[in-house]
C-alpha atoms as a PDB file:
ATOM      1  CA  MET A   1     -53.907  30.737 -26.167  1.00  0.00           C
ATOM      2  CA  SER A   2     -50.810  28.792 -25.156  1.00  0.00           C
ATOM      3  CA  LEU A   3     -49.847  25.326 -26.709  1.00  0.00           C
ATOM      4  CA  LEU A   4     -47.498  23.168 -24.569  1.00  0.00           C
ATOM      5  CA  LEU A   5     -45.641  20.236 -25.902  1.00  0.00           C
ATOM      6  CA  GLN A   6     -44.631  17.613 -23.262  1.00  0.00           C
ATOM      7  CA  VAL A   7     -41.692  15.429 -24.210  1.00  0.00           C
ATOM      8  CA  SER A   8     -40.586  12.831 -21.753  1.00  0.00           C
ATOM      9  CA  ASP A   9     -38.199   9.960 -21.232  1.00  0.00           C
ATOM     10  CA  THR A  10     -36.246  10.541 -24.321  1.00  0.00           C
ATOM     11  CA  HIS A  11     -33.444   8.312 -22.993  1.00  0.00           C
ATOM     12  CA  PHE A  12     -30.751   9.584 -25.413  1.00  0.00           C
ATOM     13  CA  GLY A  13     -28.396   6.725 -26.009  1.00  0.00           C
ATOM     14  CA  THR A  14     -31.454   4.548 -26.892  1.00  0.00           C
ATOM     15  CA  GLU A  15     -33.038   7.069 -29.285  1.00  0.00           C
ATOM     16  CA  ARG A  16     -34.550   6.094 -32.610  1.00  0.00           C
ATOM     17  CA  PRO A  17     -33.363   8.548 -35.310  1.00  0.00           C
ATOM     18  CA  GLU A  18     -36.508   8.301 -37.482  1.00  0.00           C
ATOM     19  CA  VAL A  19     -38.586   9.199 -34.438  1.00  0.00           C
ATOM     20  CA  VAL A  20     -36.325  12.121 -33.486  1.00  0.00           C
ATOM     21  CA  GLU A  21     -36.834  13.505 -37.068  1.00  0.00           C
ATOM     22  CA  ALA A  22     -40.669  12.983 -36.882  1.00  0.00           C
ATOM     23  CA  LEU A  23     -40.744  14.911 -33.576  1.00  0.00           C
ATOM     24  CA  VAL A  24     -38.855  17.842 -35.129  1.00  0.00           C
ATOM     25  CA  ALA A  25     -41.251  17.842 -37.999  1.00  0.00           C
ATOM     26  CA  LEU A  26     -44.243  17.722 -35.649  1.00  0.00           C
ATOM     27  CA  ALA A  27     -42.965  20.718 -33.698  1.00  0.00           C
ATOM     28  CA  ALA A  28     -42.431  22.611 -36.907  1.00  0.00           C
ATOM     29  CA  GLU A  29     -46.077  21.764 -37.988  1.00  0.00           C
ATOM     30  CA  ARG A  30     -47.802  22.638 -34.729  1.00  0.00           C
ATOM     31  CA  ARG A  31     -45.462  25.372 -33.449  1.00  0.00           C
ATOM     32  CA  PRO A  32     -45.972  25.054 -29.649  1.00  0.00           C
ATOM     33  CA  ASP A  33     -45.324  27.944 -27.396  1.00  0.00           C
ATOM     34  CA  VAL A  34     -43.884  25.998 -24.518  1.00  0.00           C
ATOM     35  CA  LEU A  35     -41.691  22.788 -24.236  1.00  0.00           C
ATOM     36  CA  VAL A  36     -41.793  20.692 -21.138  1.00  0.00           C
ATOM     37  CA  LEU A  37     -39.035  18.024 -21.045  1.00  0.00           C
ATOM     38  CA  SER A  38     -40.029  15.934 -17.985  1.00  0.00           C
ATOM     39  CA  GLY A  39     -37.008  13.839 -17.132  1.00  0.00           C
ATOM     40  CA  ASP A  40     -35.035  10.850 -18.131  1.00  0.00           C
ATOM     41  CA  ILE A  41     -33.526  12.868 -20.934  1.00  0.00           C
ATOM     42  CA  THR A  42     -30.558  10.451 -21.135  1.00  0.00           C
ATOM     43  CA  GLN A  43     -29.978   6.645 -20.636  1.00  0.00           C
ATOM     44  CA  ARG A  44     -26.797   6.954 -18.539  1.00  0.00           C
ATOM     45  CA  ALA A  45     -26.102  10.626 -17.851  1.00  0.00           C
ATOM     46  CA  ARG A  46     -23.210  10.750 -20.340  1.00  0.00           C
ATOM     47  CA  ARG A  47     -21.963  13.870 -21.940  1.00  0.00           C
ATOM     48  CA  ALA A  48     -22.724  12.751 -25.460  1.00  0.00           C
ATOM     49  CA  GLN A  49     -26.218  11.802 -24.460  1.00  0.00           C
ATOM     50  CA  PHE A  50     -26.864  15.207 -22.877  1.00  0.00           C
ATOM     51  CA  ALA A  51     -25.352  16.919 -25.917  1.00  0.00           C
ATOM     52  CA  ALA A  52     -27.776  14.981 -28.284  1.00  0.00           C
ATOM     53  CA  ALA A  53     -30.700  15.960 -26.045  1.00  0.00           C
ATOM     54  CA  ALA A  54     -29.690  19.553 -26.101  1.00  0.00           C
ATOM     55  CA  ARG A  55     -29.394  19.475 -29.953  1.00  0.00           C
ATOM     56  CA  LEU A  56     -32.991  18.121 -30.091  1.00  0.00           C
ATOM     57  CA  CYS A  57     -34.152  21.054 -27.968  1.00  0.00           C
ATOM     58  CA  GLU A  58     -32.553  23.472 -30.303  1.00  0.00           C
ATOM     59  CA  ARG A  59     -34.047  21.814 -33.325  1.00  0.00           C
ATOM     60  CA  LEU A  60     -37.487  21.830 -31.904  1.00  0.00           C
ATOM     61  CA  GLY A  61     -37.293  25.610 -32.035  1.00  0.00           C
ATOM     62  CA  ILE A  62     -39.430  26.253 -28.925  1.00  0.00           C
ATOM     63  CA  GLY A  63     -38.057  29.351 -27.187  1.00  0.00           C
ATOM     64  CA  THR A  64     -39.777  28.771 -23.781  1.00  0.00           C
ATOM     65  CA  ARG A  65     -38.712  25.583 -22.099  1.00  0.00           C
ATOM     66  CA  LEU A  66     -38.961  23.908 -18.738  1.00  0.00           C
ATOM     67  CA  VAL A  67     -36.579  20.974 -18.292  1.00  0.00           C
ATOM     68  CA  LEU A  68     -36.365  18.570 -15.306  1.00  0.00           C
ATOM     69  CA  PRO A  69     -33.916  15.780 -14.631  1.00  0.00           C
ATOM     70  CA  GLY A  70     -35.065  12.222 -14.150  1.00  0.00           C
ATOM     71  CA  ASN A  71     -33.400   9.406 -12.291  1.00  0.00           C
ATOM     72  CA  HIS A  72     -31.464   8.384 -15.323  1.00  0.00           C
ATOM     73  CA  ASP A  73     -29.942  11.821 -15.591  1.00  0.00           C
ATOM     74  CA  ILE A  74     -27.647  11.313 -12.520  1.00  0.00           C
ATOM     75  CA  PRO A  75     -24.771   8.910 -12.926  1.00  0.00           C
ATOM     76  CA  LEU A  76     -25.474   5.284 -11.919  1.00  0.00           C
ATOM     77  CA  PHE A  77     -21.981   3.811 -11.796  1.00  0.00           C
ATOM     78  CA  ASP A  78     -19.844   6.816 -10.955  1.00  0.00           C
ATOM     79  CA  LEU A  79     -20.572   6.806  -7.310  1.00  0.00           C
ATOM     80  CA  ALA A  80     -18.436   9.773  -6.422  1.00  0.00           C
ATOM     81  CA  THR A  81     -20.130  11.987  -8.910  1.00  0.00           C
ATOM     82  CA  ARG A  82     -23.614  10.585  -8.081  1.00  0.00           C
ATOM     83  CA  LEU A  83     -23.087  11.387  -4.334  1.00  0.00           C
ATOM     84  CA  PHE A  84     -21.304  14.758  -4.535  1.00  0.00           C
ATOM     85  CA  GLN A  85     -22.052  16.272  -8.000  1.00  0.00           C
ATOM     86  CA  PRO A  86     -25.092  14.380  -9.320  1.00  0.00           C
ATOM     87  CA  TYR A  87     -26.346  17.128 -11.604  1.00  0.00           C
ATOM     88  CA  ARG A  88     -22.873  18.305 -12.955  1.00  0.00           C
ATOM     89  CA  LEU A  89     -23.474  17.276 -16.552  1.00  0.00           C
ATOM     90  CA  TYR A  90     -27.131  18.015 -16.513  1.00  0.00           C
ATOM     91  CA  CYS A  91     -26.507  21.592 -15.369  1.00  0.00           C
ATOM     92  CA  ARG A  92     -23.797  22.057 -17.918  1.00  0.00           C
ATOM     93  CA  PHE A  93     -26.328  21.454 -20.740  1.00  0.00           C
ATOM     94  CA  PHE A  94     -29.698  22.519 -19.235  1.00  0.00           C
ATOM     95  CA  GLY A  95     -28.785  25.135 -16.649  1.00  0.00           C
ATOM     96  CA  SER A  96     -28.632  25.056 -12.772  1.00  0.00           C
ATOM     97  CA  ASP A  97     -32.301  25.824 -12.024  1.00  0.00           C
ATOM     98  CA  LEU A  98     -33.709  22.515 -10.749  1.00  0.00           C
ATOM     99  CA  ALA A  99     -37.151  24.157  -9.818  1.00  0.00           C
ATOM    100  CA  PRO A 100     -37.963  26.059 -12.987  1.00  0.00           C
ATOM    101  CA  VAL A 101     -41.172  27.993 -13.493  1.00  0.00           C
ATOM    102  CA  ILE A 102     -42.850  29.301 -16.610  1.00  0.00           C
ATOM    103  CA  ASP A 103     -45.320  32.166 -16.005  1.00  0.00           C
ATOM    104  CA  ARG A 104     -47.401  33.330 -18.948  1.00  0.00           C
ATOM    105  CA  PRO A 105     -50.734  35.135 -18.876  1.00  0.00           C
ATOM    106  CA  ASP A 106     -52.881  32.002 -19.496  1.00  0.00           C
ATOM    107  CA  LEU A 107     -50.381  29.313 -18.261  1.00  0.00           C
ATOM    108  CA  LEU A 108     -48.289  28.623 -15.055  1.00  0.00           C
ATOM    109  CA  VAL A 109     -46.015  25.670 -15.149  1.00  0.00           C
ATOM    110  CA  ILE A 110     -44.036  24.725 -11.992  1.00  0.00           C
ATOM    111  CA  GLY A 111     -41.323  22.158 -12.102  1.00  0.00           C
ATOM    112  CA  VAL A 112     -40.363  19.914  -9.168  1.00  0.00           C
ATOM    113  CA  ASN A 113     -37.096  17.998  -9.047  1.00  0.00           C
ATOM    114  CA  THR A 114     -38.104  14.571  -7.647  1.00  0.00           C
ATOM    115  CA  THR A 115     -34.815  12.877  -8.202  1.00  0.00           C
ATOM    116  CA  ARG A 116     -32.520  11.919  -5.327  1.00  0.00           C
ATOM    117  CA  ALA A 117     -28.877  10.860  -5.394  1.00  0.00           C
ATOM    118  CA  HIS A 118     -29.517   8.125  -2.750  1.00  0.00           C
ATOM    119  CA  ARG A 119     -32.385   6.583  -4.650  1.00  0.00           C
ATOM    120  CA  HIS A 120     -31.812   4.217  -7.636  1.00  0.00           C
ATOM    121  CA  LYS A 121     -35.010   5.030  -9.516  1.00  0.00           C
ATOM    122  CA  HIS A 122     -37.728   6.063  -7.033  1.00  0.00           C
ATOM    123  CA  GLY A 123     -38.552   9.739  -6.847  1.00  0.00           C
ATOM    124  CA  GLU A 124     -39.356  11.781  -3.708  1.00  0.00           C
ATOM    125  CA  VAL A 125     -40.981  15.044  -2.972  1.00  0.00           C
ATOM    126  CA  SER A 126     -40.160  16.725   0.324  1.00  0.00           C
ATOM    127  CA  ALA A 127     -42.425  18.810   2.651  1.00  0.00           C
ATOM    128  CA  ASP A 128     -40.519  21.958   1.752  1.00  0.00           C
ATOM    129  CA  GLN A 129     -41.115  21.307  -1.970  1.00  0.00           C
ATOM    130  CA  VAL A 130     -44.761  20.658  -1.365  1.00  0.00           C
ATOM    131  CA  ALA A 131     -45.057  23.989   0.629  1.00  0.00           C
ATOM    132  CA  ASP A 132     -43.072  25.930  -1.960  1.00  0.00           C
ATOM    133  CA  VAL A 133     -45.218  24.750  -4.929  1.00  0.00           C
ATOM    134  CA  SER A 134     -48.346  25.394  -2.947  1.00  0.00           C
ATOM    135  CA  ARG A 135     -47.262  28.976  -2.387  1.00  0.00           C
ATOM    136  CA  ARG A 136     -46.482  29.472  -5.998  1.00  0.00           C
ATOM    137  CA  LEU A 137     -49.926  28.013  -7.017  1.00  0.00           C
ATOM    138  CA  ARG A 138     -51.743  30.314  -4.588  1.00  0.00           C
ATOM    139  CA  ALA A 139     -50.046  33.377  -6.103  1.00  0.00           C
ATOM    140  CA  SER A 140     -51.255  32.449  -9.582  1.00  0.00           C
ATOM    141  CA  SER A 141     -53.666  34.497 -11.709  1.00  0.00           C
ATOM    142  CA  PRO A 142     -57.298  33.425 -11.998  1.00  0.00           C
ATOM    143  CA  GLY A 143     -57.036  33.109 -15.842  1.00  0.00           C
ATOM    144  CA  GLN A 144     -53.948  30.744 -15.726  1.00  0.00           C
ATOM    145  CA  LEU A 145     -54.048  26.990 -16.404  1.00  0.00           C
ATOM    146  CA  ARG A 146     -51.884  25.740 -13.435  1.00  0.00           C
ATOM    147  CA  VAL A 147     -49.607  22.865 -14.192  1.00  0.00           C
ATOM    148  CA  VAL A 148     -47.209  21.056 -11.838  1.00  0.00           C
ATOM    149  CA  VAL A 149     -44.509  18.888 -13.421  1.00  0.00           C
ATOM    150  CA  THR A 150     -42.702  15.951 -11.780  1.00  0.00           C
ATOM    151  CA  HIS A 151     -40.742  13.076 -13.215  1.00  0.00           C
ATOM    152  CA  GLN A 152     -42.128  10.269 -11.258  1.00  0.00           C
ATOM    153  CA  PRO A 153     -45.901   9.832 -11.352  1.00  0.00           C
ATOM    154  CA  VAL A 154     -48.462  10.786  -8.780  1.00  0.00           C
ATOM    155  CA  ASP A 155     -50.898   8.305 -10.264  1.00  0.00           C
ATOM    156  CA  VAL A 156     -50.581   5.070 -12.136  1.00  0.00           C
ATOM    157  CA  PRO A 157     -53.109   3.267 -14.293  1.00  0.00           C
ATOM    158  CA  ALA A 158     -52.634  -0.277 -12.784  1.00  0.00           C
ATOM    159  CA  SER A 159     -51.834  -1.866  -9.490  1.00  0.00           C
ATOM    160  CA  GLY A 160     -48.712  -3.429 -10.891  1.00  0.00           C
ATOM    161  CA  GLU A 161     -47.204   0.112 -11.249  1.00  0.00           C
ATOM    162  CA  GLU A 162     -47.756   1.165  -7.636  1.00  0.00           C
ATOM    163  CA  ASN A 163     -44.154   0.810  -6.718  1.00  0.00           C
ATOM    164  CA  ASN A 164     -43.244   3.564  -9.209  1.00  0.00           C
ATOM    165  CA  LEU A 165     -45.454   6.198  -7.558  1.00  0.00           C
ATOM    166  CA  LEU A 166     -43.624   9.335  -6.344  1.00  0.00           C
ATOM    167  CA  ARG A 167     -42.731   9.010  -2.696  1.00  0.00           C
ATOM    168  CA  GLY A 168     -44.709  11.753  -0.932  1.00  0.00           C
ATOM    169  CA  HIS A 169     -47.512  11.850  -3.514  1.00  0.00           C
ATOM    170  CA  GLN A 170     -50.080  11.301  -0.768  1.00  0.00           C
ATOM    171  CA  GLN A 171     -49.237  14.589   0.842  1.00  0.00           C
ATOM    172  CA  ALA A 172     -48.356  16.507  -2.362  1.00  0.00           C
ATOM    173  CA  VAL A 173     -51.418  15.988  -4.522  1.00  0.00           C
ATOM    174  CA  PRO A 174     -54.022  17.085  -2.017  1.00  0.00           C
ATOM    175  CA  ALA A 175     -51.938  20.084  -1.018  1.00  0.00           C
ATOM    176  CA  TRP A 176     -51.348  21.158  -4.636  1.00  0.00           C
ATOM    177  CA  VAL A 177     -54.847  20.644  -5.806  1.00  0.00           C
ATOM    178  CA  ALA A 178     -56.245  22.599  -2.830  1.00  0.00           C
ATOM    179  CA  ALA A 179     -53.703  25.425  -3.735  1.00  0.00           C
ATOM    180  CA  GLY A 180     -55.066  25.539  -7.254  1.00  0.00           C
ATOM    181  CA  ALA A 181     -53.259  22.928  -9.441  1.00  0.00           C
ATOM    182  CA  ASP A 182     -55.340  21.852 -12.487  1.00  0.00           C
ATOM    183  CA  VAL A 183     -52.916  19.345 -13.964  1.00  0.00           C
ATOM    184  CA  ILE A 184     -49.935  17.228 -12.583  1.00  0.00           C
ATOM    185  CA  MET A 185     -47.947  15.855 -15.348  1.00  0.00           C
ATOM    186  CA  GLY A 186     -45.126  13.435 -15.335  1.00  0.00           C
ATOM    187  CA  GLY A 187     -43.356  10.527 -17.054  1.00  0.00           C
ATOM    188  CA  HIS A 188     -41.008   7.711 -15.837  1.00  0.00           C
ATOM    189  CA  ILE A 189     -43.207   4.709 -16.430  1.00  0.00           C
ATOM    190  CA  HIS A 190     -43.443   5.058 -20.336  1.00  0.00           C
ATOM    191  CA  LEU A 191     -47.223   4.586 -20.159  1.00  0.00           C
ATOM    192  CA  PRO A 192     -49.281   7.539 -21.359  1.00  0.00           C
ATOM    193  CA  PHE A 193     -52.723   8.317 -19.935  1.00  0.00           C
ATOM    194  CA  VAL A 194     -54.908  11.244 -18.811  1.00  0.00           C
ATOM    195  CA  ARG A 195     -57.450  10.790 -16.059  1.00  0.00           C
ATOM    196  CA  PRO A 196     -58.994  12.579 -13.168  1.00  0.00           C
ATOM    197  CA  LEU A 197     -56.861  12.699 -10.010  1.00  0.00           C
ATOM    198  CA  ALA A 198     -60.077  12.034  -8.061  1.00  0.00           C
ATOM    199  CA  LEU A 199     -59.865   8.379  -9.166  1.00  0.00           C
ATOM    200  CA  ARG A 200     -56.882   7.887  -6.828  1.00  0.00           C
ATOM    201  CA  PHE A 201     -57.724  10.787  -4.406  1.00  0.00           C
ATOM    202  CA  PRO A 202     -61.539  10.738  -3.947  1.00  0.00           C
ATOM    203  CA  ALA A 203     -61.486  13.256  -1.050  1.00  0.00           C
ATOM    204  CA  LEU A 204     -60.310  16.065  -3.275  1.00  0.00           C
ATOM    205  CA  ARG A 205     -62.560  19.125  -3.205  1.00  0.00           C
ATOM    206  CA  ARG A 206     -61.556  20.376  -6.570  1.00  0.00           C
ATOM    207  CA  SER A 207     -61.207  18.561  -9.840  1.00  0.00           C
ATOM    208  CA  ALA A 208     -57.765  18.181 -11.220  1.00  0.00           C
ATOM    209  CA  TRP A 209     -56.069  15.915 -13.819  1.00  0.00           C
ATOM    210  CA  CYS A 210     -53.081  13.577 -14.097  1.00  0.00           C
ATOM    211  CA  VAL A 211     -51.332  13.823 -17.567  1.00  0.00           C
ATOM    212  CA  GLN A 212     -48.718  11.075 -18.030  1.00  0.00           C
ATOM    213  CA  ALA A 213     -46.370  10.923 -21.065  1.00  0.00           C
ATOM    214  CA  GLY A 214     -44.916   7.901 -22.736  1.00  0.00           C
ATOM    215  CA  THR A 215     -41.405   7.761 -24.032  1.00  0.00           C
ATOM    216  CA  ALA A 216     -40.976  10.293 -26.828  1.00  0.00           C
ATOM    217  CA  VAL A 217     -38.126   8.905 -28.933  1.00  0.00           C
ATOM    218  CA  SER A 218     -36.547   5.948 -27.155  1.00  0.00           C
ATOM    219  CA  SER A 219     -36.577   2.243 -28.193  1.00  0.00           C
ATOM    220  CA  ARG A 220     -37.623   1.517 -24.615  1.00  0.00           C
ATOM    221  CA  VAL A 221     -41.473   1.460 -25.272  1.00  0.00           C
ATOM    222  CA  ARG A 222     -43.765  -0.541 -23.039  1.00  0.00           C
ATOM    223  CA  GLY A 223     -47.075  -2.375 -23.239  1.00  0.00           C
ATOM    224  CA  GLY A 224     -47.166  -2.255 -27.054  1.00  0.00           C
ATOM    225  CA  ILE A 225     -47.718   1.520 -26.946  1.00  0.00           C
ATOM    226  CA  PRO A 226     -45.593   3.395 -29.589  1.00  0.00           C
ATOM    227  CA  ASN A 227     -43.419   6.493 -29.057  1.00  0.00           C
ATOM    228  CA  SER A 228     -45.636   9.393 -28.004  1.00  0.00           C
ATOM    229  CA  VAL A 229     -45.767  13.004 -26.807  1.00  0.00           C
ATOM    230  CA  ASN A 230     -48.477  15.130 -25.291  1.00  0.00           C
ATOM    231  CA  PHE A 231     -49.882  18.538 -26.160  1.00  0.00           C
ATOM    232  CA  LEU A 232     -51.751  20.586 -23.541  1.00  0.00           C
ATOM    233  CA  SER A 233     -53.600  23.623 -24.777  1.00  0.00           C
ATOM    234  CA  THR A 234     -55.517  26.378 -22.972  1.00  0.00           C
ATOM    235  CA  LEU A 235     -58.896  27.120 -24.446  1.00  0.00           C
ATOM    236  CA  ALA A 236     -61.464  29.771 -23.937  1.00  0.00           C
ATOM    237  CA  GLY A 237     -64.250  29.424 -21.261  1.00  0.00           C
ATOM    238  CA  GLY A 238     -62.174  27.982 -18.548  1.00  0.00           C
ATOM    239  CA  ARG A 239     -61.317  24.780 -20.451  1.00  0.00           C
ATOM    240  CA  ALA A 240     -58.081  22.951 -21.454  1.00  0.00           C
ATOM    241  CA  GLN A 241     -57.360  20.048 -23.767  1.00  0.00           C
ATOM    242  CA  ALA A 242     -54.780  17.276 -23.440  1.00  0.00           C
ATOM    243  CA  GLU A 243     -53.815  15.382 -26.613  1.00  0.00           C
ATOM    244  CA  ARG A 244     -51.707  12.312 -27.251  1.00  0.00           C
ATOM    245  CA  TRP A 245     -49.795  11.928 -30.375  1.00  0.00           C
ATOM    246  CA  ASP A 246     -48.253   8.595 -31.363  1.00  0.00           C
ATOM    247  CA  PHE A 247     -45.492   7.788 -33.775  1.00  0.00           C
ATOM    248  CA  HIS A 248     -46.267   5.511 -36.740  1.00  0.00           C
ATOM    249  CA  PRO A 249     -43.246   4.328 -38.947  1.00  0.00           C
ATOM    250  CA  GLY A 250     -43.303   5.854 -42.458  1.00  0.00           C
ATOM    251  CA  VAL A 251     -46.054   8.363 -41.299  1.00  0.00           C
ATOM    252  CA  GLY A 252     -44.730  10.299 -38.354  1.00  0.00           C
ATOM    253  CA  PHE A 253     -46.669  11.472 -35.263  1.00  0.00           C
ATOM    254  CA  GLN A 254     -50.466  11.366 -35.536  1.00  0.00           C
ATOM    255  CA  ARG A 255     -53.102  12.291 -33.031  1.00  0.00           C
ATOM    256  CA  ALA A 256     -54.170   9.309 -31.101  1.00  0.00           C
ATOM    257  CA  ASP A 257     -56.466  10.612 -28.321  1.00  0.00           C
ATOM    258  CA  GLY A 258     -57.767  13.924 -26.779  1.00  0.00           C
ATOM    259  CA  VAL A 259     -59.371  14.790 -23.451  1.00  0.00           C
ATOM    260  CA  ASP A 260     -61.261  17.999 -22.968  1.00  0.00           C
ATOM    261  CA  MET A 261     -60.879  19.258 -19.368  1.00  0.00           C
ATOM    262  CA  THR A 262     -63.269  21.766 -17.713  1.00  0.00           C
ATOM    263  CA  LEU A 263     -61.159  23.665 -15.164  1.00  0.00           C
ATOM    264  CA  ASP A 264     -62.551  23.858 -11.580  1.00  0.00           C
ATOM    265  CA  ARG A 265     -62.302  27.434 -10.344  1.00  0.00           C
ATOM    266  CA  ALA A 266     -64.260  26.769  -7.129  1.00  0.00           C
ATOM    267  CA  PRO A 267     -62.310  27.328  -3.905  1.00  0.00           C
ATOM    268  CA  ALA A 268     -61.008  24.125  -2.239  1.00  0.00           C
END
């Protein structure tokens, strides 16, 4: 059974060294099979920040990785690069595939690049991206946990966060869930939570879950919530589990919460 570690919003340039070390120790202890780095890897898309993030990925020692850019990973002030080569440094350190996929016997993870050079922070998913992800989901194996990863969220826990929702989420979520998605995970808002997507999309004909990550190692925490990461594990009997692990000074990362998810295998 696969164990996935979701690390998000590291914002290198604002990282806390003691939290970075604790995350390396956590990965060594739990030995996840898959790493998902769901955007905002850097604070200002600078070479040194990307290099520090790449060093962390190497230190985590997780051979299978899915990495996506966030809005902070394209230059903000260098307008020429932002418009014409927005992913130049990102690709140098993390490769040119902006729609990565991990396909394991029990786990399918599909990455979606939701950043846009013409937007300051808001994400967007296009009709072509919705269709492409849906095709990949329909081609999945029955025994796979099917996960879609975006940077900007498709759900938020409070009305004050509505402006941070991914543009196009109203079309994407019903299409992806109908095609077989079990989990849509993201970051961006630095507020971790796990909840059924039916709370925002009551017309869904299959159950599916939103798994949102906090900031893993940055000082830019919100709402009094400490640095955190998520684990997602596949279990026997058509089940999965999402766990949140929070950082505590002098202690390291400790399990804060867990949600058992029964996967819906009924046709949509």
